[in-house]
Amino acid sequence: MLTLGFLVEMEAKPGREGEVAEFLKQAKALVDAEPGTIVWYAFQVGPTSFRIFDAFDNEDDRQFHLAGKVRQGLEARADLFDPPPRINPVDLLTYKMP
């Protein structure tokens, strides 16, 4: 059962929105290699606002993902964001999935 997740809030610097969108699209391949990341969504909520939501069965999988290549990529591409991305741990109350 999914019980834990992250909500990552990102604001692209003006003019860098396309690069952020492409970064997130490419990040999917990195997440695909993480069997403990059960759910992963990357989406845009405004002209410069992007989010990631992901979910996990346990804390070990969440911590593995937190230390993984997507976060490393976010840190390496800090030039795309202002302010820096905010990684918010969340506890899932309920959900519906196919």
N, C-alpha and C. Protein backbone atom coordinates (compact mmCIF):
# COMPACT_ATOMS: atom_id res chain seq x y z
N MET A 1 0.84 -1.18 0.00
CA MET A 1 0.00 0.00 0.00
C MET A 1 0.88 1.24 0.00
N LEU A 2 0.56 2.18 -0.85
CA LEU A 2 1.31 3.43 -0.90
C LEU A 2 0.98 4.27 0.32
N THR A 3 2.00 4.67 1.02
CA THR A 3 1.79 5.45 2.24
C THR A 3 2.60 6.74 2.28
N LEU A 4 3.63 6.84 1.46
CA LEU A 4 4.57 7.96 1.53
C LEU A 4 4.81 8.56 0.16
N GLY A 5 5.18 9.81 0.13
CA GLY A 5 5.48 10.43 -1.15
C GLY A 5 6.27 11.71 -1.00
N PHE A 6 6.46 12.36 -2.14
CA PHE A 6 7.05 13.69 -2.20
C PHE A 6 6.20 14.54 -3.12
N LEU A 7 6.08 15.79 -2.79
CA LEU A 7 5.56 16.80 -3.70
C LEU A 7 6.69 17.81 -3.88
N VAL A 8 7.20 17.88 -5.09
CA VAL A 8 8.32 18.76 -5.40
C VAL A 8 7.78 19.97 -6.16
N GLU A 9 8.07 21.15 -5.65
CA GLU A 9 7.60 22.40 -6.25
C GLU A 9 8.78 23.11 -6.91
N MET A 10 8.60 23.44 -8.19
CA MET A 10 9.68 24.07 -8.96
C MET A 10 9.15 25.29 -9.70
N GLU A 11 9.93 26.34 -9.71
CA GLU A 11 9.64 27.55 -10.48
C GLU A 11 10.79 27.76 -11.45
N ALA A 12 10.48 27.73 -12.74
CA ALA A 12 11.50 27.96 -13.76
C ALA A 12 11.85 29.44 -13.82
N LYS A 13 13.12 29.72 -14.06
CA LYS A 13 13.51 31.10 -14.33
C LYS A 13 12.84 31.53 -15.64
N PRO A 14 12.52 32.80 -15.77
CA PRO A 14 11.90 33.27 -17.02
C PRO A 14 12.74 32.88 -18.24
N GLY A 15 12.06 32.34 -19.23
CA GLY A 15 12.73 31.92 -20.45
C GLY A 15 13.31 30.52 -20.40
N ARG A 16 13.26 29.86 -19.25
CA ARG A 16 13.85 28.52 -19.09
C ARG A 16 12.79 27.43 -18.98
N GLU A 17 11.53 27.79 -19.20
CA GLU A 17 10.42 26.84 -19.02
C GLU A 17 10.57 25.61 -19.91
N GLY A 18 10.96 25.81 -21.15
CA GLY A 18 11.13 24.69 -22.07
C GLY A 18 12.21 23.73 -21.61
N GLU A 19 13.29 24.26 -21.07
CA GLU A 19 14.38 23.42 -20.56
C GLU A 19 13.93 22.61 -19.34
N VAL A 20 13.14 23.23 -18.48
CA VAL A 20 12.62 22.50 -17.32
C VAL A 20 11.70 21.38 -17.78
N ALA A 21 10.81 21.67 -18.72
CA ALA A 21 9.90 20.64 -19.23
C ALA A 21 10.69 19.49 -19.84
N GLU A 22 11.71 19.78 -20.60
CA GLU A 22 12.52 18.73 -21.23
C GLU A 22 13.28 17.94 -20.17
N PHE A 23 13.82 18.62 -19.17
CA PHE A 23 14.50 17.92 -18.07
C PHE A 23 13.56 16.91 -17.42
N LEU A 24 12.34 17.33 -17.14
CA LEU A 24 11.38 16.44 -16.48
C LEU A 24 11.01 15.26 -17.37
N LYS A 25 10.84 15.50 -18.66
CA LYS A 25 10.54 14.39 -19.58
C LYS A 25 11.68 13.38 -19.60
N GLN A 26 12.91 13.85 -19.61
CA GLN A 26 14.06 12.95 -19.62
C GLN A 26 14.24 12.25 -18.28
N ALA A 27 13.80 12.86 -17.20
CA ALA A 27 13.94 12.26 -15.87
C ALA A 27 13.13 10.98 -15.73
N LYS A 28 12.10 10.82 -16.53
CA LYS A 28 11.27 9.61 -16.43
C LYS A 28 12.10 8.35 -16.59
N ALA A 29 13.06 8.35 -17.50
CA ALA A 29 13.90 7.17 -17.70
C ALA A 29 14.68 6.83 -16.43
N LEU A 30 15.10 7.84 -15.69
CA LEU A 30 15.82 7.60 -14.44
C LEU A 30 14.90 6.97 -13.41
N VAL A 31 13.67 7.46 -13.34
CA VAL A 31 12.70 6.94 -12.38
C VAL A 31 12.28 5.52 -12.76
N ASP A 32 12.19 5.24 -14.06
CA ASP A 32 11.83 3.89 -14.50
C ASP A 32 12.80 2.84 -13.96
N ALA A 33 14.03 3.23 -13.69
CA ALA A 33 15.04 2.30 -13.18
C ALA A 33 14.95 2.11 -11.66
N GLU A 34 13.99 2.75 -11.01
CA GLU A 34 13.81 2.65 -9.55
C GLU A 34 12.56 1.83 -9.26
N PRO A 35 12.69 0.54 -8.99
CA PRO A 35 11.50 -0.28 -8.77
C PRO A 35 10.68 0.15 -7.55
N GLY A 36 11.27 0.83 -6.59
CA GLY A 36 10.55 1.26 -5.41
C GLY A 36 9.74 2.53 -5.59
N THR A 37 9.95 3.22 -6.72
CA THR A 37 9.14 4.41 -7.02
C THR A 37 7.92 3.92 -7.78
N ILE A 38 6.81 3.76 -7.08
CA ILE A 38 5.61 3.14 -7.64
C ILE A 38 4.85 4.11 -8.54
N VAL A 39 4.77 5.36 -8.12
CA VAL A 39 4.04 6.38 -8.86
C VAL A 39 4.97 7.57 -9.04
N TRP A 40 4.99 8.14 -10.25
CA TRP A 40 5.80 9.34 -10.50
C TRP A 40 5.11 10.16 -11.57
N TYR A 41 4.75 11.37 -11.24
CA TYR A 41 4.13 12.30 -12.18
C TYR A 41 4.95 13.58 -12.20
N ALA A 42 5.19 14.10 -13.39
CA ALA A 42 5.78 15.42 -13.55
C ALA A 42 4.79 16.24 -14.37
N PHE A 43 4.49 17.46 -13.91
CA PHE A 43 3.47 18.23 -14.60
C PHE A 43 3.72 19.73 -14.42
N GLN A 44 3.08 20.50 -15.30
CA GLN A 44 3.18 21.95 -15.29
C GLN A 44 1.85 22.51 -14.81
N VAL A 45 1.90 23.45 -13.86
CA VAL A 45 0.67 24.02 -13.29
C VAL A 45 0.50 25.50 -13.60
N GLY A 46 1.43 26.09 -14.29
CA GLY A 46 1.35 27.49 -14.68
C GLY A 46 2.47 27.79 -15.65
N PRO A 47 2.56 29.00 -16.12
CA PRO A 47 3.57 29.32 -17.13
C PRO A 47 5.00 28.98 -16.71
N THR A 48 5.33 29.18 -15.44
CA THR A 48 6.68 28.88 -14.97
C THR A 48 6.70 27.88 -13.82
N SER A 49 5.54 27.32 -13.47
CA SER A 49 5.42 26.45 -12.29
C SER A 49 5.30 24.99 -12.70
N PHE A 50 6.14 24.17 -12.09
CA PHE A 50 6.18 22.74 -12.36
C PHE A 50 6.13 21.98 -11.04
N ARG A 51 5.64 20.75 -11.10
CA ARG A 51 5.57 19.91 -9.91
C ARG A 51 5.95 18.47 -10.28
N ILE A 52 6.44 17.76 -9.27
CA ILE A 52 6.60 16.30 -9.33
C ILE A 52 5.84 15.75 -8.14
N PHE A 53 5.09 14.69 -8.37
CA PHE A 53 4.49 13.93 -7.28
C PHE A 53 4.93 12.49 -7.46
N ASP A 54 5.44 11.89 -6.40
CA ASP A 54 5.79 10.48 -6.45
C ASP A 54 5.39 9.80 -5.16
N ALA A 55 5.24 8.47 -5.23
CA ALA A 55 4.74 7.72 -4.06
C ALA A 55 5.47 6.40 -3.93
N PHE A 56 5.51 5.93 -2.67
CA PHE A 56 6.32 4.77 -2.30
C PHE A 56 5.59 3.93 -1.26
N ASP A 57 5.96 2.66 -1.20
CA ASP A 57 5.39 1.74 -0.22
C ASP A 57 6.02 1.87 1.16
N ASN A 58 7.27 2.34 1.21
CA ASN A 58 7.96 2.37 2.49
C ASN A 58 9.03 3.47 2.50
N GLU A 59 9.53 3.74 3.68
CA GLU A 59 10.51 4.81 3.87
C GLU A 59 11.84 4.51 3.18
N ASP A 60 12.25 3.24 3.16
CA ASP A 60 13.51 2.90 2.48
C ASP A 60 13.46 3.28 1.01
N ASP A 61 12.35 2.96 0.34
CA ASP A 61 12.22 3.31 -1.08
C ASP A 61 12.17 4.82 -1.27
N ARG A 62 11.50 5.52 -0.37
CA ARG A 62 11.43 6.98 -0.47
C ARG A 62 12.82 7.59 -0.31
N GLN A 63 13.59 7.11 0.65
CA GLN A 63 14.93 7.64 0.86
C GLN A 63 15.87 7.29 -0.29
N PHE A 64 15.71 6.08 -0.87
CA PHE A 64 16.51 5.70 -2.03
C PHE A 64 16.26 6.68 -3.18
N HIS A 65 14.99 6.98 -3.42
CA HIS A 65 14.64 7.92 -4.48
C HIS A 65 15.17 9.32 -4.17
N LEU A 66 15.05 9.75 -2.93
CA LEU A 66 15.51 11.08 -2.54
C LEU A 66 17.00 11.26 -2.82
N ALA A 67 17.77 10.21 -2.66
CA ALA A 67 19.21 10.27 -2.90
C ALA A 67 19.57 9.94 -4.35
N GLY A 68 18.56 9.75 -5.20
CA GLY A 68 18.78 9.24 -6.55
C GLY A 68 19.14 10.28 -7.59
N LYS A 69 19.09 9.82 -8.83
CA LYS A 69 19.59 10.60 -9.96
C LYS A 69 18.71 11.79 -10.33
N VAL A 70 17.42 11.72 -10.06
CA VAL A 70 16.57 12.87 -10.38
C VAL A 70 16.94 14.05 -9.47
N ARG A 71 17.09 13.78 -8.19
CA ARG A 71 17.50 14.87 -7.29
C ARG A 71 18.89 15.39 -7.67
N GLN A 72 19.79 14.49 -8.00
CA GLN A 72 21.12 14.92 -8.43
C GLN A 72 21.01 15.82 -9.66
N GLY A 73 20.10 15.46 -10.57
CA GLY A 73 19.88 16.27 -11.76
C GLY A 73 19.31 17.64 -11.44
N LEU A 74 18.37 17.68 -10.49
CA LEU A 74 17.81 18.97 -10.07
C LEU A 74 18.91 19.87 -9.51
N GLU A 75 19.78 19.28 -8.71
CA GLU A 75 20.86 20.07 -8.12
C GLU A 75 21.86 20.51 -9.19
N ALA A 76 22.14 19.63 -10.15
CA ALA A 76 23.09 19.97 -11.21
C ALA A 76 22.54 21.05 -12.13
N ARG A 77 21.23 21.12 -12.26
CA ARG A 77 20.60 22.12 -13.14
C ARG A 77 19.96 23.24 -12.32
N ALA A 78 20.57 23.59 -11.22
CA ALA A 78 20.06 24.66 -10.36
C ALA A 78 19.88 25.97 -11.12
N ASP A 79 20.62 26.14 -12.22
CA ASP A 79 20.52 27.35 -13.02
C ASP A 79 19.15 27.53 -13.67
N LEU A 80 18.33 26.47 -13.71
CA LEU A 80 17.01 26.54 -14.32
C LEU A 80 15.95 27.11 -13.39
N PHE A 81 16.23 27.14 -12.08
CA PHE A 81 15.19 27.38 -11.10
C PHE A 81 15.46 28.62 -10.24
N ASP A 82 14.38 29.31 -9.89
CA ASP A 82 14.45 30.39 -8.91
C ASP A 82 13.07 30.56 -8.29
N PRO A 83 12.93 30.23 -7.03
CA PRO A 83 13.93 29.75 -6.07
C PRO A 83 14.29 28.29 -6.34
N PRO A 84 15.21 27.72 -5.57
CA PRO A 84 15.54 26.30 -5.73
C PRO A 84 14.30 25.42 -5.52
N PRO A 85 14.26 24.24 -6.16
CA PRO A 85 13.12 23.33 -5.95
C PRO A 85 12.92 23.02 -4.47
N ARG A 86 11.65 22.91 -4.09
CA ARG A 86 11.28 22.55 -2.72
C ARG A 86 10.76 21.12 -2.71
N ILE A 87 11.43 20.26 -1.96
CA ILE A 87 11.05 18.85 -1.87
C ILE A 87 10.30 18.66 -0.56
N ASN A 88 9.00 18.40 -0.67
CA ASN A 88 8.13 18.28 0.50
C ASN A 88 7.72 16.83 0.70
N PRO A 89 8.14 16.19 1.79
CA PRO A 89 7.65 14.84 2.09
C PRO A 89 6.16 14.90 2.42
N VAL A 90 5.41 13.91 1.97
CA VAL A 90 3.98 13.84 2.26
C VAL A 90 3.62 12.44 2.74
N ASP A 91 2.59 12.37 3.56
CA ASP A 91 1.99 11.10 3.98
C ASP A 91 0.67 10.96 3.25
N LEU A 92 0.50 9.87 2.53
CA LEU A 92 -0.71 9.66 1.75
C LEU A 92 -1.84 9.19 2.65
N LEU A 93 -2.98 9.81 2.52
CA LEU A 93 -4.16 9.43 3.30
C LEU A 93 -4.99 8.38 2.56
N THR A 94 -5.17 8.59 1.26
CA THR A 94 -5.91 7.64 0.44
C THR A 94 -5.61 7.95 -1.02
N TYR A 95 -5.96 7.07 -1.91
CA TYR A 95 -5.71 7.27 -3.33
C TYR A 95 -6.56 6.32 -4.15
N LYS A 96 -6.62 6.59 -5.44
CA LYS A 96 -7.28 5.71 -6.39
C LYS A 96 -6.35 5.54 -7.58
N MET A 97 -6.09 4.31 -7.93
CA MET A 97 -5.26 3.99 -9.10
C MET A 97 -5.92 2.85 -9.85
N PRO A 98 -5.62 2.75 -11.15
CA PRO A 98 -6.20 1.63 -11.91
C PRO A 98 -5.70 0.29 -11.40
